[in-house]
Amino acid sequence: MEWTAMGTAAIFGSQMIPIGLALIAAFIVDWIVGDPRWLPHPVVWIGKSIEAVEKGIRSVVSSDKAFKAAGVLLLVVVVGGSYLLVWGLLSLLTTFVHPLVSWGLAVWLISTTIATKGLADAGMEIYELLKLGSLDAARSALSMVVGRDTDQLDEKEISRGAVETVAENIVDAIVSPLFYAAIGGAPLAMAYRAVNTLDSMVGYKNERYQHLGWASARFDDLANYIPARIAGLLLIVVCWLIRWDAHDCYRVIRRDAHLHPSPNSGITESGVAGALGIQLGGINYYHGIASERAKMGDPLRVIEAEDIAKTVRLMKQVSLASLVCCLFISVMIQVIFG
């Protein structure tokens, strides 16, 4: 079956509507609407399915070797199930209801995998609270988006936490979902979100998940590998276009990105550090236990609240550049396979 039929009809819902239009529509929906709390979010359903499968696995598995094998099963069931469920639903709507209904659902589903507005809102809330001098409220807002202890942080450390969160999530909250939507529509975008959710829930190197979560953590690194490098390139290009320090952005990525625990998140985090002339990383506390994070960038000045707003602006510019890049990818796929 040709790409135009299978890719557009089964994945997006209508062979009469270009894939790129679905990407643009989904991007706009996320940019304007985001993820309203009153709407059910697919990630919640994915999370519940992960919990259910994990519970079933733990009821029958006991050895470390069996848990490692079960980790692969968990990955296949959740990711494969997410893909097949969305693909099947869109196909049924296309066949038995109307292609436009299927396409509309696909647009909404893709929009839920992107978080440009969510990232911007979270960062700017912290920024505005800091500008008002409400440190306690800013600490509380930061605690909603990071895992580290926040109750003793000063303005500099709150700002660092917010900048790091926005910077590293450029990859898995924006570029990666757009990339997978461009090559595989809503089913592949949702499968990617399942991979990312698995990593956030079970991809830990602790006693409970070091065996069960290993496959999810590795696959998340693999899934983000290409998008992260696209994000790094776009970050440099955007800095050049808006006349920020593109040279230091590139230099710090080359020098420091590999120091990050993640082979992918360090690219955008170090790039933002270079572009802003600040140093990220340092000591974080988790449940009172100190954890040393590699430092990225040069401490040319003290991090301040304004750096949060600058990072949000940079993130938005990169998200727009990502849309353009992924539209190009989708066109190339249609040209090659159409």
C-alpha atoms as a PDB file:
ATOM      1  CA  MET A   1       0.000   0.000   0.000  1.00  0.00           C
ATOM      2  CA  GLU A   2       1.371   3.395  -0.922  1.00  0.00           C
ATOM      3  CA  TRP A   3       2.409   5.905   1.734  1.00  0.00           C
ATOM      4  CA  THR A   4      -0.286   8.368   0.674  1.00  0.00           C
ATOM      5  CA  ALA A   5      -2.961   5.771   1.342  1.00  0.00           C
ATOM      6  CA  MET A   6      -1.604   3.963   4.366  1.00  0.00           C
ATOM      7  CA  GLY A   7       0.233   6.882   5.952  1.00  0.00           C
ATOM      8  CA  THR A   8      -2.488   9.473   5.535  1.00  0.00           C
ATOM      9  CA  ALA A   9      -5.684   7.449   5.607  1.00  0.00           C
ATOM     10  CA  ALA A  10      -4.819   4.995   8.366  1.00  0.00           C
ATOM     11  CA  ILE A  11      -2.513   7.205  10.379  1.00  0.00           C
ATOM     12  CA  PHE A  12      -3.998  10.658   9.963  1.00  0.00           C
ATOM     13  CA  GLY A  13      -7.520   9.821   8.952  1.00  0.00           C
ATOM     14  CA  SER A  14      -7.928  11.135   5.427  1.00  0.00           C
ATOM     15  CA  GLN A  15      -5.926  10.653   2.269  1.00  0.00           C
ATOM     16  CA  MET A  16      -7.268  14.009   1.042  1.00  0.00           C
ATOM     17  CA  ILE A  17      -5.556  16.012   3.787  1.00  0.00           C
ATOM     18  CA  PRO A  18      -1.753  16.436   3.728  1.00  0.00           C
ATOM     19  CA  ILE A  19       0.238  15.133   6.673  1.00  0.00           C
ATOM     20  CA  GLY A  20       1.899  18.514   7.094  1.00  0.00           C
ATOM     21  CA  LEU A  21      -1.466  20.166   7.717  1.00  0.00           C
ATOM     22  CA  ALA A  22      -2.097  17.801  10.609  1.00  0.00           C
ATOM     23  CA  LEU A  23       1.274  18.724  12.125  1.00  0.00           C
ATOM     24  CA  ILE A  24       0.553  22.434  11.791  1.00  0.00           C
ATOM     25  CA  ALA A  25      -2.934  22.048  13.279  1.00  0.00           C
ATOM     26  CA  ALA A  26      -1.657  19.981  16.209  1.00  0.00           C
ATOM     27  CA  PHE A  27       1.135  22.477  16.875  1.00  0.00           C
ATOM     28  CA  ILE A  28      -1.333  25.379  16.904  1.00  0.00           C
ATOM     29  CA  VAL A  29      -3.711  23.512  19.220  1.00  0.00           C
ATOM     30  CA  ASP A  30      -0.902  22.905  21.705  1.00  0.00           C
ATOM     31  CA  TRP A  31       0.465  26.458  21.365  1.00  0.00           C
ATOM     32  CA  ILE A  32      -2.923  28.039  22.108  1.00  0.00           C
ATOM     33  CA  VAL A  33      -4.818  25.493  24.193  1.00  0.00           C
ATOM     34  CA  GLY A  34      -2.129  23.266  25.704  1.00  0.00           C
ATOM     35  CA  ASP A  35      -3.449  20.559  28.016  1.00  0.00           C
ATOM     36  CA  PRO A  36      -6.545  21.833  29.864  1.00  0.00           C
ATOM     37  CA  ARG A  37      -7.010  19.998  33.155  1.00  0.00           C
ATOM     38  CA  TRP A  38     -10.668  19.312  32.409  1.00  0.00           C
ATOM     39  CA  LEU A  39      -9.770  17.266  29.320  1.00  0.00           C
ATOM     40  CA  PRO A  40      -8.669  13.627  29.811  1.00  0.00           C
ATOM     41  CA  HIS A  41      -5.025  13.252  28.807  1.00  0.00           C
ATOM     42  CA  PRO A  42      -3.695  10.138  27.024  1.00  0.00           C
ATOM     43  CA  VAL A  43      -0.591  10.115  29.238  1.00  0.00           C
ATOM     44  CA  VAL A  44      -2.842   9.418  32.235  1.00  0.00           C
ATOM     45  CA  TRP A  45      -4.205   6.357  30.451  1.00  0.00           C
ATOM     46  CA  ILE A  46      -0.709   5.274  29.480  1.00  0.00           C
ATOM     47  CA  GLY A  47       0.387   5.659  33.095  1.00  0.00           C
ATOM     48  CA  LYS A  48      -2.498   3.530  34.315  1.00  0.00           C
ATOM     49  CA  SER A  49      -1.676   0.828  31.766  1.00  0.00           C
ATOM     50  CA  ILE A  50       1.957   0.823  32.920  1.00  0.00           C
ATOM     51  CA  GLU A  51       0.861   0.399  36.524  1.00  0.00           C
ATOM     52  CA  ALA A  52      -1.485  -2.442  35.561  1.00  0.00           C
ATOM     53  CA  VAL A  53       1.134  -4.333  33.531  1.00  0.00           C
ATOM     54  CA  GLU A  54       3.768  -3.802  36.224  1.00  0.00           C
ATOM     55  CA  LYS A  55       1.407  -5.131  38.875  1.00  0.00           C
ATOM     56  CA  GLY A  56       0.759  -8.233  36.775  1.00  0.00           C
ATOM     57  CA  ILE A  57       4.470  -8.785  36.213  1.00  0.00           C
ATOM     58  CA  ARG A  58       5.311  -8.480  39.902  1.00  0.00           C
ATOM     59  CA  SER A  59       2.607 -10.996  40.786  1.00  0.00           C
ATOM     60  CA  VAL A  60       4.347 -13.751  38.797  1.00  0.00           C
ATOM     61  CA  VAL A  61       8.021 -12.733  38.577  1.00  0.00           C
ATOM     62  CA  SER A  62      10.627 -12.904  41.344  1.00  0.00           C
ATOM     63  CA  SER A  63      14.168 -13.358  39.987  1.00  0.00           C
ATOM     64  CA  ASP A  64      16.377 -10.575  38.627  1.00  0.00           C
ATOM     65  CA  LYS A  65      16.815 -12.414  35.324  1.00  0.00           C
ATOM     66  CA  ALA A  66      13.067 -12.786  34.915  1.00  0.00           C
ATOM     67  CA  PHE A  67      12.545  -9.102  35.726  1.00  0.00           C
ATOM     68  CA  LYS A  68      14.990  -8.122  32.957  1.00  0.00           C
ATOM     69  CA  ALA A  69      13.033 -10.226  30.473  1.00  0.00           C
ATOM     70  CA  ALA A  70       9.772  -8.811  31.823  1.00  0.00           C
ATOM     71  CA  GLY A  71      11.176  -5.319  31.268  1.00  0.00           C
ATOM     72  CA  VAL A  72      11.242  -6.025  27.530  1.00  0.00           C
ATOM     73  CA  LEU A  73       7.690  -7.375  27.732  1.00  0.00           C
ATOM     74  CA  LEU A  74       6.534  -4.230  29.568  1.00  0.00           C
ATOM     75  CA  LEU A  75       8.061  -2.063  26.858  1.00  0.00           C
ATOM     76  CA  VAL A  76       6.536  -4.042  23.987  1.00  0.00           C
ATOM     77  CA  VAL A  77       3.065  -4.248  25.546  1.00  0.00           C
ATOM     78  CA  VAL A  78       2.764  -0.578  26.500  1.00  0.00           C
ATOM     79  CA  VAL A  79       4.435   0.962  23.454  1.00  0.00           C
ATOM     80  CA  GLY A  80       3.014  -1.500  20.949  1.00  0.00           C
ATOM     81  CA  GLY A  81      -0.395  -1.301  22.563  1.00  0.00           C
ATOM     82  CA  SER A  82      -0.392   2.496  22.417  1.00  0.00           C
ATOM     83  CA  TYR A  83       0.468   2.424  18.722  1.00  0.00           C
ATOM     84  CA  LEU A  84      -2.075  -0.228  17.789  1.00  0.00           C
ATOM     85  CA  LEU A  85      -4.870   1.325  19.835  1.00  0.00           C
ATOM     86  CA  VAL A  86      -4.509   4.727  18.184  1.00  0.00           C
ATOM     87  CA  TRP A  87      -4.014   3.219  14.713  1.00  0.00           C
ATOM     88  CA  GLY A  88      -7.067   1.004  15.124  1.00  0.00           C
ATOM     89  CA  LEU A  89      -9.265   3.804  16.455  1.00  0.00           C
ATOM     90  CA  LEU A  90      -8.338   6.165  13.623  1.00  0.00           C
ATOM     91  CA  SER A  91      -8.868   3.423  11.041  1.00  0.00           C
ATOM     92  CA  LEU A  92     -12.313   2.605  12.422  1.00  0.00           C
ATOM     93  CA  LEU A  93     -13.340   6.250  12.426  1.00  0.00           C
ATOM     94  CA  THR A  94     -12.098   6.661   8.865  1.00  0.00           C
ATOM     95  CA  THR A  95     -14.023   3.604   7.665  1.00  0.00           C
ATOM     96  CA  PHE A  96     -17.248   3.802   9.646  1.00  0.00           C
ATOM     97  CA  VAL A  97     -17.689   7.483  10.569  1.00  0.00           C
ATOM     98  CA  HIS A  98     -15.866  10.044   8.414  1.00  0.00           C
ATOM     99  CA  PRO A  99     -12.218  10.711   7.520  1.00  0.00           C
ATOM    100  CA  LEU A 100     -12.450  14.275   8.853  1.00  0.00           C
ATOM    101  CA  VAL A 101     -13.507  13.000  12.292  1.00  0.00           C
ATOM    102  CA  SER A 102     -10.551  10.636  12.309  1.00  0.00           C
ATOM    103  CA  TRP A 103      -8.234  13.425  11.189  1.00  0.00           C
ATOM    104  CA  GLY A 104      -9.547  15.750  13.903  1.00  0.00           C
ATOM    105  CA  LEU A 105      -8.907  13.140  16.568  1.00  0.00           C
ATOM    106  CA  ALA A 106      -5.410  12.538  15.181  1.00  0.00           C
ATOM    107  CA  VAL A 107      -4.671  16.265  15.410  1.00  0.00           C
ATOM    108  CA  TRP A 108      -5.804  16.360  19.030  1.00  0.00           C
ATOM    109  CA  LEU A 109      -3.821  13.239  19.923  1.00  0.00           C
ATOM    110  CA  ILE A 110      -0.643  14.647  18.377  1.00  0.00           C
ATOM    111  CA  SER A 111      -1.183  17.934  20.211  1.00  0.00           C
ATOM    112  CA  THR A 112      -1.257  16.074  23.537  1.00  0.00           C
ATOM    113  CA  THR A 113       2.205  14.685  22.871  1.00  0.00           C
ATOM    114  CA  ILE A 114       3.647  18.215  22.479  1.00  0.00           C
ATOM    115  CA  ALA A 115       4.121  20.510  25.468  1.00  0.00           C
ATOM    116  CA  THR A 116       5.287  23.901  24.204  1.00  0.00           C
ATOM    117  CA  LYS A 117       2.559  25.775  26.072  1.00  0.00           C
ATOM    118  CA  GLY A 118       2.883  23.601  29.169  1.00  0.00           C
ATOM    119  CA  LEU A 119       6.636  24.170  29.380  1.00  0.00           C
ATOM    120  CA  ALA A 120       6.274  27.893  28.770  1.00  0.00           C
ATOM    121  CA  ASP A 121       3.499  28.267  31.346  1.00  0.00           C
ATOM    122  CA  ALA A 122       5.430  26.323  33.985  1.00  0.00           C
ATOM    123  CA  GLY A 123       8.583  28.345  33.441  1.00  0.00           C
ATOM    124  CA  MET A 124       6.848  31.712  33.334  1.00  0.00           C
ATOM    125  CA  GLU A 125       4.837  30.966  36.480  1.00  0.00           C
ATOM    126  CA  ILE A 126       8.082  30.457  38.383  1.00  0.00           C
ATOM    127  CA  TYR A 127       9.575  33.567  36.781  1.00  0.00           C
ATOM    128  CA  GLU A 128       6.613  35.749  37.710  1.00  0.00           C
ATOM    129  CA  LEU A 129       6.557  34.484  41.293  1.00  0.00           C
ATOM    130  CA  LEU A 130      10.253  35.277  41.641  1.00  0.00           C
ATOM    131  CA  LYS A 131       9.712  38.775  40.258  1.00  0.00           C
ATOM    132  CA  LEU A 132       7.006  39.273  42.894  1.00  0.00           C
ATOM    133  CA  GLY A 133       9.425  38.122  45.590  1.00  0.00           C
ATOM    134  CA  SER A 134       7.250  35.100  46.473  1.00  0.00           C
ATOM    135  CA  LEU A 135      10.040  32.591  47.109  1.00  0.00           C
ATOM    136  CA  ASP A 136       7.848  30.030  48.872  1.00  0.00           C
ATOM    137  CA  ALA A 137       5.327  30.025  46.039  1.00  0.00           C
ATOM    138  CA  ALA A 138       8.153  29.811  43.474  1.00  0.00           C
ATOM    139  CA  ARG A 139       9.645  26.831  45.315  1.00  0.00           C
ATOM    140  CA  SER A 140       6.255  25.149  45.296  1.00  0.00           C
ATOM    141  CA  ALA A 141       5.780  25.815  41.568  1.00  0.00           C
ATOM    142  CA  LEU A 142       9.252  24.430  40.820  1.00  0.00           C
ATOM    143  CA  SER A 143       8.522  21.297  42.855  1.00  0.00           C
ATOM    144  CA  MET A 144       5.707  20.497  40.408  1.00  0.00           C
ATOM    145  CA  VAL A 145       8.140  20.104  37.499  1.00  0.00           C
ATOM    146  CA  VAL A 146      11.343  18.750  39.096  1.00  0.00           C
ATOM    147  CA  GLY A 147      12.147  15.812  41.326  1.00  0.00           C
ATOM    148  CA  ARG A 148      14.714  17.598  43.506  1.00  0.00           C
ATOM    149  CA  ASP A 149      14.038  19.086  46.935  1.00  0.00           C
ATOM    150  CA  THR A 150      13.011  22.731  46.565  1.00  0.00           C
ATOM    151  CA  ASP A 151      12.023  23.885  50.065  1.00  0.00           C
ATOM    152  CA  GLN A 152      15.415  25.472  50.866  1.00  0.00           C
ATOM    153  CA  LEU A 153      16.350  26.902  47.466  1.00  0.00           C
ATOM    154  CA  ASP A 154      17.217  30.574  47.014  1.00  0.00           C
ATOM    155  CA  GLU A 155      16.363  32.644  43.928  1.00  0.00           C
ATOM    156  CA  LYS A 156      19.511  31.554  42.062  1.00  0.00           C
ATOM    157  CA  GLU A 157      18.852  27.847  42.612  1.00  0.00           C
ATOM    158  CA  ILE A 158      15.142  28.165  41.813  1.00  0.00           C
ATOM    159  CA  SER A 159      16.074  29.922  38.564  1.00  0.00           C
ATOM    160  CA  ARG A 160      18.640  27.230  37.771  1.00  0.00           C
ATOM    161  CA  GLY A 161      16.076  24.492  38.310  1.00  0.00           C
ATOM    162  CA  ALA A 162      13.546  26.194  36.050  1.00  0.00           C
ATOM    163  CA  VAL A 163      16.082  26.876  33.290  1.00  0.00           C
ATOM    164  CA  GLU A 164      17.340  23.283  33.388  1.00  0.00           C
ATOM    165  CA  THR A 165      13.816  21.869  33.240  1.00  0.00           C
ATOM    166  CA  VAL A 166      12.732  23.973  30.270  1.00  0.00           C
ATOM    167  CA  ALA A 167      16.036  23.401  28.444  1.00  0.00           C
ATOM    168  CA  GLU A 168      16.222  19.630  28.787  1.00  0.00           C
ATOM    169  CA  ASN A 169      12.538  19.128  27.946  1.00  0.00           C
ATOM    170  CA  ILE A 170      12.957  20.803  24.564  1.00  0.00           C
ATOM    171  CA  VAL A 171      13.838  17.343  23.276  1.00  0.00           C
ATOM    172  CA  ASP A 172      11.248  14.991  24.741  1.00  0.00           C
ATOM    173  CA  ALA A 173       8.377  17.481  25.038  1.00  0.00           C
ATOM    174  CA  ILE A 174       8.683  19.169  21.635  1.00  0.00           C
ATOM    175  CA  VAL A 175      11.191  17.957  19.057  1.00  0.00           C
ATOM    176  CA  SER A 176      10.780  14.198  19.564  1.00  0.00           C
ATOM    177  CA  PRO A 177       6.962  14.068  19.393  1.00  0.00           C
ATOM    178  CA  LEU A 178       6.947  16.332  16.322  1.00  0.00           C
ATOM    179  CA  PHE A 179       9.614  14.161  14.706  1.00  0.00           C
ATOM    180  CA  TYR A 180       7.689  10.929  15.249  1.00  0.00           C
ATOM    181  CA  ALA A 181       4.395  12.493  14.216  1.00  0.00           C
ATOM    182  CA  ALA A 182       6.067  13.590  10.983  1.00  0.00           C
ATOM    183  CA  ILE A 183       7.199  10.075  10.108  1.00  0.00           C
ATOM    184  CA  GLY A 184       4.362   8.004  11.573  1.00  0.00           C
ATOM    185  CA  GLY A 185       1.424  10.191  12.458  1.00  0.00           C
ATOM    186  CA  ALA A 186      -0.585  10.091  15.658  1.00  0.00           C
ATOM    187  CA  PRO A 187       0.071   6.367  16.349  1.00  0.00           C
ATOM    188  CA  LEU A 188       3.860   6.797  16.309  1.00  0.00           C
ATOM    189  CA  ALA A 189       3.690  10.080  18.240  1.00  0.00           C
ATOM    190  CA  MET A 190       1.631   8.343  20.926  1.00  0.00           C
ATOM    191  CA  ALA A 191       3.980   5.355  20.922  1.00  0.00           C
ATOM    192  CA  TYR A 192       6.836   7.790  21.558  1.00  0.00           C
ATOM    193  CA  ARG A 193       4.899   9.369  24.426  1.00  0.00           C
ATOM    194  CA  ALA A 194       4.447   5.865  25.859  1.00  0.00           C
ATOM    195  CA  VAL A 195       8.215   5.315  25.676  1.00  0.00           C
ATOM    196  CA  ASN A 196       8.825   8.615  27.442  1.00  0.00           C
ATOM    197  CA  THR A 197       6.210   7.869  30.119  1.00  0.00           C
ATOM    198  CA  LEU A 198       7.702   4.441  30.741  1.00  0.00           C
ATOM    199  CA  ASP A 199      11.121   6.010  31.267  1.00  0.00           C
ATOM    200  CA  SER A 200       9.711   8.550  33.729  1.00  0.00           C
ATOM    201  CA  MET A 201       7.873   5.841  35.694  1.00  0.00           C
ATOM    202  CA  VAL A 202      10.186   2.811  35.659  1.00  0.00           C
ATOM    203  CA  GLY A 203      13.466   3.937  34.094  1.00  0.00           C
ATOM    204  CA  TYR A 204      15.321   4.334  37.382  1.00  0.00           C
ATOM    205  CA  LYS A 205      18.581   2.718  38.475  1.00  0.00           C
ATOM    206  CA  ASN A 206      17.311   1.871  41.943  1.00  0.00           C
ATOM    207  CA  GLU A 207      16.554  -1.389  43.691  1.00  0.00           C
ATOM    208  CA  ARG A 208      12.941  -1.504  42.543  1.00  0.00           C
ATOM    209  CA  TYR A 209      13.454  -0.749  38.847  1.00  0.00           C
ATOM    210  CA  GLN A 210      17.062  -1.499  37.889  1.00  0.00           C
ATOM    211  CA  HIS A 211      15.999  -4.779  36.257  1.00  0.00           C
ATOM    212  CA  LEU A 212      12.379  -4.129  35.284  1.00  0.00           C
ATOM    213  CA  GLY A 213      13.053  -0.642  33.928  1.00  0.00           C
ATOM    214  CA  TRP A 214      16.329  -1.180  32.062  1.00  0.00           C
ATOM    215  CA  ALA A 215      14.703  -1.762  28.652  1.00  0.00           C
ATOM    216  CA  SER A 216      12.477   1.311  28.975  1.00  0.00           C
ATOM    217  CA  ALA A 217      15.420   3.537  29.931  1.00  0.00           C
ATOM    218  CA  ARG A 218      17.582   2.267  27.075  1.00  0.00           C
ATOM    219  CA  PHE A 219      14.798   2.559  24.518  1.00  0.00           C
ATOM    220  CA  ASP A 220      14.012   6.110  25.629  1.00  0.00           C
ATOM    221  CA  ASP A 221      17.662   7.038  25.014  1.00  0.00           C
ATOM    222  CA  LEU A 222      17.474   5.419  21.583  1.00  0.00           C
ATOM    223  CA  ALA A 223      14.157   7.075  20.668  1.00  0.00           C
ATOM    224  CA  ASN A 224      15.480  10.542  21.560  1.00  0.00           C
ATOM    225  CA  TYR A 225      18.894  10.124  19.935  1.00  0.00           C
ATOM    226  CA  ILE A 226      18.142  11.645  16.518  1.00  0.00           C
ATOM    227  CA  PRO A 227      15.621  14.271  17.740  1.00  0.00           C
ATOM    228  CA  ALA A 228      18.091  15.488  20.380  1.00  0.00           C
ATOM    229  CA  ARG A 229      20.730  16.159  17.760  1.00  0.00           C
ATOM    230  CA  ILE A 230      18.184  17.892  15.563  1.00  0.00           C
ATOM    231  CA  ALA A 231      17.257  20.008  18.606  1.00  0.00           C
ATOM    232  CA  GLY A 232      20.895  20.916  19.210  1.00  0.00           C
ATOM    233  CA  LEU A 233      21.350  22.024  15.611  1.00  0.00           C
ATOM    234  CA  LEU A 234      18.120  24.046  15.674  1.00  0.00           C
ATOM    235  CA  LEU A 235      19.156  25.652  18.963  1.00  0.00           C
ATOM    236  CA  ILE A 236      22.377  26.896  17.393  1.00  0.00           C
ATOM    237  CA  VAL A 237      20.546  28.138  14.280  1.00  0.00           C
ATOM    238  CA  VAL A 238      17.909  29.947  16.339  1.00  0.00           C
ATOM    239  CA  CYS A 239      20.578  31.624  18.494  1.00  0.00           C
ATOM    240  CA  TRP A 240      22.253  32.849  15.316  1.00  0.00           C
ATOM    241  CA  LEU A 241      18.963  34.127  13.866  1.00  0.00           C
ATOM    242  CA  ILE A 242      17.969  36.063  16.991  1.00  0.00           C
ATOM    243  CA  ARG A 243      21.557  37.302  17.475  1.00  0.00           C
ATOM    244  CA  TRP A 244      22.266  35.441  20.689  1.00  0.00           C
ATOM    245  CA  ASP A 245      25.608  33.751  21.316  1.00  0.00           C
ATOM    246  CA  ALA A 246      25.423  30.951  18.742  1.00  0.00           C
ATOM    247  CA  HIS A 247      29.191  30.401  18.910  1.00  0.00           C
ATOM    248  CA  ASP A 248      29.187  29.685  22.653  1.00  0.00           C
ATOM    249  CA  CYS A 249      26.007  27.653  22.269  1.00  0.00           C
ATOM    250  CA  TYR A 250      27.850  25.372  19.824  1.00  0.00           C
ATOM    251  CA  ARG A 251      31.093  25.413  21.810  1.00  0.00           C
ATOM    252  CA  VAL A 252      29.491  24.417  25.102  1.00  0.00           C
ATOM    253  CA  ILE A 253      27.435  21.675  23.437  1.00  0.00           C
ATOM    254  CA  ARG A 254      30.624  20.201  21.985  1.00  0.00           C
ATOM    255  CA  ARG A 255      32.450  20.508  25.298  1.00  0.00           C
ATOM    256  CA  ASP A 256      29.859  19.711  27.953  1.00  0.00           C
ATOM    257  CA  ALA A 257      26.843  17.839  26.525  1.00  0.00           C
ATOM    258  CA  HIS A 258      28.412  14.436  27.196  1.00  0.00           C
ATOM    259  CA  LEU A 259      28.743  15.257  30.903  1.00  0.00           C
ATOM    260  CA  HIS A 260      24.980  15.051  31.409  1.00  0.00           C
ATOM    261  CA  PRO A 261      23.586  11.742  32.755  1.00  0.00           C
ATOM    262  CA  SER A 262      21.377  11.566  29.661  1.00  0.00           C
ATOM    263  CA  PRO A 263      23.049  11.136  26.250  1.00  0.00           C
ATOM    264  CA  ASN A 264      20.344  13.418  24.828  1.00  0.00           C
ATOM    265  CA  SER A 265      19.129  16.015  27.350  1.00  0.00           C
ATOM    266  CA  GLY A 266      22.640  17.370  27.843  1.00  0.00           C
ATOM    267  CA  ILE A 267      22.652  18.734  24.286  1.00  0.00           C
ATOM    268  CA  THR A 268      19.910  21.313  24.790  1.00  0.00           C
ATOM    269  CA  GLU A 269      20.795  22.006  28.419  1.00  0.00           C
ATOM    270  CA  SER A 270      24.432  22.740  27.630  1.00  0.00           C
ATOM    271  CA  GLY A 271      23.390  24.706  24.542  1.00  0.00           C
ATOM    272  CA  VAL A 272      21.129  26.973  26.582  1.00  0.00           C
ATOM    273  CA  ALA A 273      23.909  27.447  29.148  1.00  0.00           C
ATOM    274  CA  GLY A 274      26.294  28.520  26.397  1.00  0.00           C
ATOM    275  CA  ALA A 275      23.771  30.822  24.744  1.00  0.00           C
ATOM    276  CA  LEU A 276      22.958  32.603  28.018  1.00  0.00           C
ATOM    277  CA  GLY A 277      26.517  32.701  29.383  1.00  0.00           C
ATOM    278  CA  ILE A 278      25.597  30.852  32.572  1.00  0.00           C
ATOM    279  CA  GLN A 279      26.560  27.600  34.245  1.00  0.00           C
ATOM    280  CA  LEU A 280      23.995  24.880  34.879  1.00  0.00           C
ATOM    281  CA  GLY A 281      24.356  21.779  36.984  1.00  0.00           C
ATOM    282  CA  GLY A 282      25.794  21.489  40.496  1.00  0.00           C
ATOM    283  CA  ILE A 283      24.469  19.968  43.693  1.00  0.00           C
ATOM    284  CA  ASN A 284      20.820  18.918  43.916  1.00  0.00           C
ATOM    285  CA  TYR A 285      19.128  17.280  46.889  1.00  0.00           C
ATOM    286  CA  TYR A 286      16.699  14.389  46.582  1.00  0.00           C
ATOM    287  CA  HIS A 287      14.882  13.482  49.809  1.00  0.00           C
ATOM    288  CA  GLY A 288      17.688  15.180  51.703  1.00  0.00           C
ATOM    289  CA  ILE A 289      20.483  13.297  49.906  1.00  0.00           C
ATOM    290  CA  ALA A 290      22.981  15.355  47.911  1.00  0.00           C
ATOM    291  CA  SER A 291      23.540  14.480  44.264  1.00  0.00           C
ATOM    292  CA  GLU A 292      26.290  16.096  42.209  1.00  0.00           C
ATOM    293  CA  ARG A 293      25.269  16.999  38.649  1.00  0.00           C
ATOM    294  CA  ALA A 294      27.998  17.786  36.135  1.00  0.00           C
ATOM    295  CA  LYS A 295      28.389  21.491  35.483  1.00  0.00           C
ATOM    296  CA  MET A 296      27.742  22.742  31.961  1.00  0.00           C
ATOM    297  CA  GLY A 297      28.579  26.167  30.634  1.00  0.00           C
ATOM    298  CA  ASP A 298      30.793  28.893  32.041  1.00  0.00           C
ATOM    299  CA  PRO A 299      29.847  30.938  35.146  1.00  0.00           C
ATOM    300  CA  LEU A 300      30.241  34.294  33.404  1.00  0.00           C
ATOM    301  CA  ARG A 301      27.537  35.707  35.677  1.00  0.00           C
ATOM    302  CA  VAL A 302      25.082  34.636  38.364  1.00  0.00           C
ATOM    303  CA  ILE A 303      21.905  32.923  37.201  1.00  0.00           C
ATOM    304  CA  GLU A 304      18.836  35.101  37.759  1.00  0.00           C
ATOM    305  CA  ALA A 305      15.094  34.987  37.220  1.00  0.00           C
ATOM    306  CA  GLU A 306      15.390  36.727  33.844  1.00  0.00           C
ATOM    307  CA  ASP A 307      17.190  33.648  32.552  1.00  0.00           C
ATOM    308  CA  ILE A 308      13.953  31.678  32.913  1.00  0.00           C
ATOM    309  CA  ALA A 309      12.127  34.092  30.610  1.00  0.00           C
ATOM    310  CA  LYS A 310      15.027  34.000  28.146  1.00  0.00           C
ATOM    311  CA  THR A 311      15.018  30.196  28.133  1.00  0.00           C
ATOM    312  CA  VAL A 312      11.265  30.103  27.532  1.00  0.00           C
ATOM    313  CA  ARG A 313      11.669  32.507  24.618  1.00  0.00           C
ATOM    314  CA  LEU A 314      14.454  30.354  23.188  1.00  0.00           C
ATOM    315  CA  MET A 315      12.387  27.200  23.672  1.00  0.00           C
ATOM    316  CA  LYS A 316       9.450  28.712  21.772  1.00  0.00           C
ATOM    317  CA  GLN A 317      11.708  29.749  18.897  1.00  0.00           C
ATOM    318  CA  VAL A 318      13.207  26.256  18.726  1.00  0.00           C
ATOM    319  CA  SER A 319       9.735  24.720  18.770  1.00  0.00           C
ATOM    320  CA  LEU A 320       8.765  26.805  15.717  1.00  0.00           C
ATOM    321  CA  ALA A 321      11.979  25.796  13.984  1.00  0.00           C
ATOM    322  CA  SER A 322      11.225  22.169  14.882  1.00  0.00           C
ATOM    323  CA  LEU A 323       7.821  22.418  13.231  1.00  0.00           C
ATOM    324  CA  VAL A 324       9.406  23.692  10.015  1.00  0.00           C
ATOM    325  CA  CYS A 325      12.046  20.957  10.134  1.00  0.00           C
ATOM    326  CA  CYS A 326       9.473  18.211  10.719  1.00  0.00           C
ATOM    327  CA  LEU A 327       7.237  19.547   7.954  1.00  0.00           C
ATOM    328  CA  PHE A 328      10.208  19.153   5.640  1.00  0.00           C
ATOM    329  CA  ILE A 329      10.732  15.583   6.902  1.00  0.00           C
ATOM    330  CA  SER A 330       7.072  14.717   6.290  1.00  0.00           C
ATOM    331  CA  VAL A 331       7.234  16.121   2.750  1.00  0.00           C
ATOM    332  CA  MET A 332      10.368  14.125   2.002  1.00  0.00           C
ATOM    333  CA  ILE A 333       8.719  10.939   3.260  1.00  0.00           C
ATOM    334  CA  GLN A 334       5.709  11.535   1.033  1.00  0.00           C
ATOM    335  CA  VAL A 335       7.956  12.250  -1.966  1.00  0.00           C
ATOM    336  CA  ILE A 336       9.992   9.090  -1.387  1.00  0.00           C
ATOM    337  CA  PHE A 337       7.143   6.727  -0.499  1.00  0.00           C
ATOM    338  CA  GLY A 338       4.232   8.457  -2.218  1.00  0.00           C
END
